[in-house]
Amino acid sequence: QVQLVESGGGLVQAGGSLRLSCAGSGGSVSAYVLGWYRQGPVKEREFVASITRSGYTYYADAVKGRFTISRDSAKNMVNLQMNSLKPEDTAIYFCNHGHSWGQGTQVTVST
């Protein structure tokens, strides 16, 4: 199965933007639905956004209108553009493809 590595996390101020990337290796990221999830301390991992093989996108209500998921099949990557970030967006963000998960990248939004 494909191996996934996230990048692009960091510390930003509220209202700022970050672009997360997830690079696949050892397989194509086009075989399954691609998704982004996030998890805060002692909290359940929650769905953030996903994109199907046909290009349909889905978003959690909490991020709708602020986050955009995209796929670049040629580069075997999936991205998450995050705008108008809020402190409640603070979490570790994971990308998912089938049973494959990335190691996670920390996003911290300060006031």
N, C-alpha and C. Protein backbone atom coordinates (compact mmCIF):
# COMPACT_ATOMS: atom_id res chain seq x y z
N GLN A 1 0.83 -1.18 0.00
CA GLN A 1 0.00 0.00 0.00
C GLN A 1 0.88 1.24 0.00
N VAL A 2 0.27 2.35 -0.37
CA VAL A 2 1.01 3.59 -0.50
C VAL A 2 1.43 4.12 0.86
N GLN A 3 2.63 4.69 0.91
CA GLN A 3 3.11 5.38 2.11
C GLN A 3 2.83 6.87 1.95
N LEU A 4 2.42 7.51 3.04
CA LEU A 4 2.02 8.91 3.00
C LEU A 4 2.84 9.74 3.97
N VAL A 5 3.26 10.90 3.54
CA VAL A 5 4.04 11.81 4.38
C VAL A 5 3.46 13.21 4.25
N GLU A 6 2.98 13.76 5.39
CA GLU A 6 2.43 15.11 5.40
C GLU A 6 3.53 16.13 5.63
N SER A 7 3.26 17.34 5.17
CA SER A 7 4.16 18.46 5.41
C SER A 7 3.35 19.75 5.34
N GLY A 8 3.93 20.83 5.84
CA GLY A 8 3.30 22.13 5.75
C GLY A 8 2.69 22.65 7.03
N GLY A 9 2.68 21.84 8.08
CA GLY A 9 2.13 22.30 9.34
C GLY A 9 3.04 23.33 9.99
N GLY A 10 2.52 23.96 11.04
CA GLY A 10 3.31 24.95 11.74
C GLY A 10 2.45 25.80 12.65
N LEU A 11 3.03 26.90 13.11
CA LEU A 11 2.36 27.84 14.00
C LEU A 11 1.97 29.08 13.21
N VAL A 12 0.70 29.41 13.26
CA VAL A 12 0.20 30.60 12.56
C VAL A 12 -0.76 31.36 13.46
N GLN A 13 -0.95 32.63 13.16
CA GLN A 13 -1.90 33.45 13.90
C GLN A 13 -3.30 33.26 13.34
N ALA A 14 -4.29 33.47 14.18
CA ALA A 14 -5.67 33.39 13.75
C ALA A 14 -5.90 34.29 12.54
N GLY A 15 -6.61 33.76 11.56
CA GLY A 15 -6.85 34.50 10.33
C GLY A 15 -5.85 34.21 9.25
N GLY A 16 -4.78 33.53 9.60
CA GLY A 16 -3.74 33.20 8.64
C GLY A 16 -4.08 31.97 7.83
N SER A 17 -3.12 31.58 6.99
CA SER A 17 -3.32 30.45 6.09
C SER A 17 -2.14 29.49 6.14
N LEU A 18 -2.42 28.24 5.85
CA LEU A 18 -1.41 27.20 5.70
C LEU A 18 -1.84 26.28 4.58
N ARG A 19 -0.87 25.69 3.92
CA ARG A 19 -1.15 24.71 2.89
C ARG A 19 -0.45 23.41 3.27
N LEU A 20 -1.24 22.40 3.56
CA LEU A 20 -0.71 21.09 3.89
C LEU A 20 -0.60 20.25 2.64
N SER A 21 0.45 19.45 2.57
CA SER A 21 0.65 18.55 1.45
C SER A 21 0.87 17.14 1.97
N CYS A 22 0.45 16.18 1.19
CA CYS A 22 0.64 14.78 1.52
C CYS A 22 1.18 14.08 0.29
N ALA A 23 2.41 13.61 0.39
CA ALA A 23 3.07 12.94 -0.73
C ALA A 23 2.97 11.43 -0.60
N GLY A 24 2.57 10.78 -1.66
CA GLY A 24 2.47 9.34 -1.68
C GLY A 24 3.67 8.70 -2.33
N SER A 25 4.02 7.52 -1.86
CA SER A 25 5.10 6.75 -2.46
C SER A 25 4.77 5.27 -2.35
N GLY A 26 5.30 4.49 -3.26
CA GLY A 26 5.06 3.06 -3.25
C GLY A 26 3.71 2.65 -3.82
N GLY A 27 3.00 3.59 -4.39
CA GLY A 27 1.71 3.32 -4.96
C GLY A 27 1.00 4.60 -5.36
N SER A 28 -0.06 4.46 -6.10
CA SER A 28 -0.83 5.62 -6.56
C SER A 28 -1.83 6.05 -5.51
N VAL A 29 -2.00 7.37 -5.35
CA VAL A 29 -2.99 7.90 -4.42
C VAL A 29 -4.35 8.01 -5.08
N SER A 30 -4.49 7.50 -6.28
CA SER A 30 -5.75 7.57 -7.01
C SER A 30 -6.60 6.32 -6.84
N ALA A 31 -6.11 5.33 -6.10
CA ALA A 31 -6.83 4.07 -5.97
C ALA A 31 -8.04 4.15 -5.04
N TYR A 32 -8.00 5.04 -4.07
CA TYR A 32 -9.07 5.17 -3.10
C TYR A 32 -9.41 6.63 -2.88
N VAL A 33 -10.46 6.86 -2.10
CA VAL A 33 -10.79 8.21 -1.66
C VAL A 33 -9.62 8.75 -0.84
N LEU A 34 -9.28 10.00 -1.06
CA LEU A 34 -8.24 10.67 -0.30
C LEU A 34 -8.88 11.59 0.72
N GLY A 35 -8.39 11.55 1.94
CA GLY A 35 -9.00 12.37 2.97
C GLY A 35 -8.02 12.99 3.93
N TRP A 36 -8.44 14.06 4.56
CA TRP A 36 -7.71 14.70 5.64
C TRP A 36 -8.54 14.59 6.91
N TYR A 37 -7.88 14.23 7.99
CA TYR A 37 -8.49 14.13 9.30
C TYR A 37 -7.65 14.91 10.29
N ARG A 38 -8.22 15.22 11.43
CA ARG A 38 -7.45 15.92 12.45
C ARG A 38 -7.83 15.41 13.83
N GLN A 39 -6.91 15.56 14.76
CA GLN A 39 -7.13 15.08 16.11
C GLN A 39 -6.46 16.00 17.11
N GLY A 40 -7.24 16.52 18.04
CA GLY A 40 -6.71 17.32 19.12
C GLY A 40 -6.36 16.43 20.30
N PRO A 41 -5.76 17.00 21.35
CA PRO A 41 -5.39 16.23 22.53
C PRO A 41 -6.60 15.54 23.17
N VAL A 42 -6.49 14.27 23.42
CA VAL A 42 -7.53 13.47 24.07
C VAL A 42 -8.89 13.67 23.38
N LYS A 43 -8.87 13.69 22.08
CA LYS A 43 -10.10 13.83 21.31
C LYS A 43 -10.12 12.80 20.19
N GLU A 44 -11.32 12.52 19.70
CA GLU A 44 -11.46 11.59 18.59
C GLU A 44 -10.91 12.20 17.31
N ARG A 45 -10.38 11.36 16.47
CA ARG A 45 -9.95 11.81 15.17
C ARG A 45 -11.21 12.14 14.36
N GLU A 46 -11.25 13.32 13.79
CA GLU A 46 -12.43 13.75 13.06
C GLU A 46 -12.14 14.02 11.60
N PHE A 47 -13.15 13.81 10.80
CA PHE A 47 -13.06 14.05 9.37
C PHE A 47 -12.97 15.53 9.09
N VAL A 48 -12.12 15.89 8.13
CA VAL A 48 -11.97 17.28 7.72
C VAL A 48 -12.43 17.47 6.28
N ALA A 49 -11.86 16.70 5.37
CA ALA A 49 -12.18 16.85 3.95
C ALA A 49 -11.77 15.60 3.19
N SER A 50 -12.39 15.37 2.05
CA SER A 50 -12.03 14.23 1.22
C SER A 50 -12.30 14.55 -0.23
N ILE A 51 -11.66 13.79 -1.09
CA ILE A 51 -11.87 13.93 -2.53
C ILE A 51 -11.90 12.54 -3.13
N THR A 52 -12.91 12.27 -3.95
CA THR A 52 -13.07 10.96 -4.55
C THR A 52 -12.25 10.84 -5.81
N ARG A 53 -12.19 9.63 -6.36
CA ARG A 53 -11.45 9.40 -7.59
C ARG A 53 -12.01 10.22 -8.74
N SER A 54 -13.31 10.49 -8.70
CA SER A 54 -13.94 11.27 -9.75
C SER A 54 -13.84 12.77 -9.52
N GLY A 55 -13.25 13.16 -8.39
CA GLY A 55 -13.01 14.57 -8.13
C GLY A 55 -14.03 15.26 -7.26
N TYR A 56 -15.02 14.55 -6.76
CA TYR A 56 -16.00 15.15 -5.86
C TYR A 56 -15.37 15.39 -4.50
N THR A 57 -15.67 16.53 -3.92
CA THR A 57 -15.10 16.90 -2.64
C THR A 57 -16.16 16.98 -1.56
N TYR A 58 -15.74 16.70 -0.33
CA TYR A 58 -16.62 16.75 0.83
C TYR A 58 -15.87 17.43 1.96
N TYR A 59 -16.62 18.20 2.75
CA TYR A 59 -16.01 18.95 3.84
C TYR A 59 -16.84 18.86 5.11
N ALA A 60 -16.15 18.84 6.22
CA ALA A 60 -16.83 18.95 7.50
C ALA A 60 -17.40 20.36 7.61
N ASP A 61 -18.54 20.48 8.26
CA ASP A 61 -19.18 21.78 8.40
C ASP A 61 -18.25 22.82 9.03
N ALA A 62 -17.41 22.38 9.94
CA ALA A 62 -16.53 23.29 10.66
C ALA A 62 -15.50 23.97 9.76
N VAL A 63 -15.19 23.37 8.62
CA VAL A 63 -14.16 23.92 7.74
C VAL A 63 -14.70 24.35 6.39
N LYS A 64 -15.94 24.07 6.11
CA LYS A 64 -16.54 24.40 4.82
C LYS A 64 -16.44 25.90 4.54
N GLY A 65 -15.97 26.22 3.35
CA GLY A 65 -15.81 27.61 2.97
C GLY A 65 -14.45 28.18 3.31
N ARG A 66 -13.68 27.48 4.14
CA ARG A 66 -12.36 27.95 4.54
C ARG A 66 -11.24 27.04 4.03
N PHE A 67 -11.51 25.74 3.97
CA PHE A 67 -10.51 24.77 3.53
C PHE A 67 -10.85 24.26 2.14
N THR A 68 -9.83 23.93 1.38
CA THR A 68 -10.01 23.37 0.05
C THR A 68 -9.07 22.18 -0.13
N ILE A 69 -9.64 21.03 -0.47
CA ILE A 69 -8.84 19.85 -0.74
C ILE A 69 -8.65 19.71 -2.24
N SER A 70 -7.47 19.29 -2.64
CA SER A 70 -7.19 19.09 -4.05
C SER A 70 -6.26 17.90 -4.23
N ARG A 71 -6.28 17.34 -5.40
CA ARG A 71 -5.44 16.19 -5.71
C ARG A 71 -4.63 16.48 -6.96
N ASP A 72 -3.38 16.10 -6.93
CA ASP A 72 -2.50 16.23 -8.08
C ASP A 72 -2.00 14.83 -8.40
N SER A 73 -2.73 14.13 -9.26
CA SER A 73 -2.39 12.76 -9.58
C SER A 73 -1.02 12.63 -10.24
N ALA A 74 -0.66 13.61 -11.06
CA ALA A 74 0.62 13.57 -11.74
C ALA A 74 1.78 13.58 -10.75
N LYS A 75 1.62 14.30 -9.64
CA LYS A 75 2.64 14.37 -8.60
C LYS A 75 2.39 13.40 -7.46
N ASN A 76 1.29 12.65 -7.56
CA ASN A 76 0.92 11.68 -6.53
C ASN A 76 0.80 12.35 -5.17
N MET A 77 0.05 13.46 -5.13
CA MET A 77 -0.09 14.23 -3.90
C MET A 77 -1.53 14.67 -3.68
N VAL A 78 -1.85 14.93 -2.44
CA VAL A 78 -3.11 15.54 -2.07
C VAL A 78 -2.78 16.72 -1.16
N ASN A 79 -3.49 17.82 -1.35
CA ASN A 79 -3.21 19.04 -0.61
C ASN A 79 -4.43 19.53 0.13
N LEU A 80 -4.20 20.32 1.15
CA LEU A 80 -5.28 20.96 1.89
C LEU A 80 -4.90 22.41 2.12
N GLN A 81 -5.58 23.30 1.41
CA GLN A 81 -5.38 24.72 1.60
C GLN A 81 -6.29 25.18 2.72
N MET A 82 -5.72 25.77 3.76
CA MET A 82 -6.47 26.19 4.93
C MET A 82 -6.37 27.70 5.06
N ASN A 83 -7.50 28.37 4.94
CA ASN A 83 -7.56 29.82 5.06
C ASN A 83 -8.40 30.21 6.26
N SER A 84 -8.27 31.47 6.67
CA SER A 84 -9.03 32.00 7.80
C SER A 84 -8.98 31.06 9.00
N LEU A 85 -7.79 30.66 9.35
CA LEU A 85 -7.61 29.69 10.43
C LEU A 85 -8.07 30.25 11.78
N LYS A 86 -8.63 29.36 12.58
CA LYS A 86 -9.13 29.69 13.89
C LYS A 86 -8.39 28.87 14.95
N PRO A 87 -8.34 29.34 16.18
CA PRO A 87 -7.67 28.56 17.23
C PRO A 87 -8.23 27.15 17.36
N GLU A 88 -9.52 26.97 17.12
CA GLU A 88 -10.12 25.65 17.21
C GLU A 88 -9.69 24.71 16.10
N ASP A 89 -8.96 25.21 15.11
CA ASP A 89 -8.39 24.37 14.07
C ASP A 89 -7.10 23.69 14.53
N THR A 90 -6.61 24.07 15.69
CA THR A 90 -5.39 23.49 16.22
C THR A 90 -5.56 21.99 16.42
N ALA A 91 -4.68 21.22 15.80
CA ALA A 91 -4.76 19.76 15.87
C ALA A 91 -3.60 19.16 15.08
N ILE A 92 -3.45 17.86 15.20
CA ILE A 92 -2.55 17.14 14.31
C ILE A 92 -3.38 16.72 13.11
N TYR A 93 -2.90 17.02 11.94
CA TYR A 93 -3.62 16.71 10.71
C TYR A 93 -2.99 15.50 10.03
N PHE A 94 -3.84 14.55 9.65
CA PHE A 94 -3.41 13.32 9.02
C PHE A 94 -4.05 13.19 7.64
N CYS A 95 -3.31 12.68 6.68
CA CYS A 95 -3.91 12.34 5.41
C CYS A 95 -4.15 10.83 5.37
N ASN A 96 -5.16 10.43 4.63
CA ASN A 96 -5.56 9.04 4.57
C ASN A 96 -5.85 8.60 3.15
N HIS A 97 -5.44 7.39 2.85
CA HIS A 97 -5.71 6.77 1.56
C HIS A 97 -5.90 5.28 1.80
N GLY A 98 -7.14 4.81 1.72
CA GLY A 98 -7.42 3.43 2.05
C GLY A 98 -7.06 3.15 3.50
N HIS A 99 -6.21 2.14 3.71
CA HIS A 99 -5.73 1.81 5.06
C HIS A 99 -4.42 2.50 5.39
N SER A 100 -3.94 3.37 4.53
CA SER A 100 -2.70 4.08 4.76
C SER A 100 -2.94 5.42 5.42
N TRP A 101 -2.10 5.74 6.41
CA TRP A 101 -2.16 7.00 7.12
C TRP A 101 -0.77 7.62 7.16
N GLY A 102 -0.73 8.93 7.06
CA GLY A 102 0.53 9.62 7.24
C GLY A 102 0.86 9.72 8.71
N GLN A 103 2.02 10.27 9.02
CA GLN A 103 2.47 10.39 10.42
C GLN A 103 1.83 11.57 11.13
N GLY A 104 1.22 12.46 10.39
CA GLY A 104 0.58 13.63 10.95
C GLY A 104 1.49 14.84 10.96
N THR A 105 0.89 16.00 10.83
CA THR A 105 1.63 17.26 10.91
C THR A 105 0.87 18.21 11.82
N GLN A 106 1.58 18.84 12.73
CA GLN A 106 0.96 19.69 13.74
C GLN A 106 0.60 21.05 13.18
N VAL A 107 -0.62 21.46 13.42
CA VAL A 107 -1.08 22.80 13.07
C VAL A 107 -1.52 23.48 14.36
N THR A 108 -0.91 24.61 14.66
CA THR A 108 -1.25 25.37 15.86
C THR A 108 -1.62 26.78 15.46
N VAL A 109 -2.81 27.20 15.86
CA VAL A 109 -3.31 28.53 15.52
C VAL A 109 -3.41 29.35 16.80
N SER A 110 -2.67 30.43 16.88
CA SER A 110 -2.64 31.27 18.06
C SER A 110 -3.54 32.48 17.89
N THR A 111 -3.94 33.07 19.02
CA THR A 111 -4.77 34.26 19.00
C THR A 111 -3.91 35.50 18.96
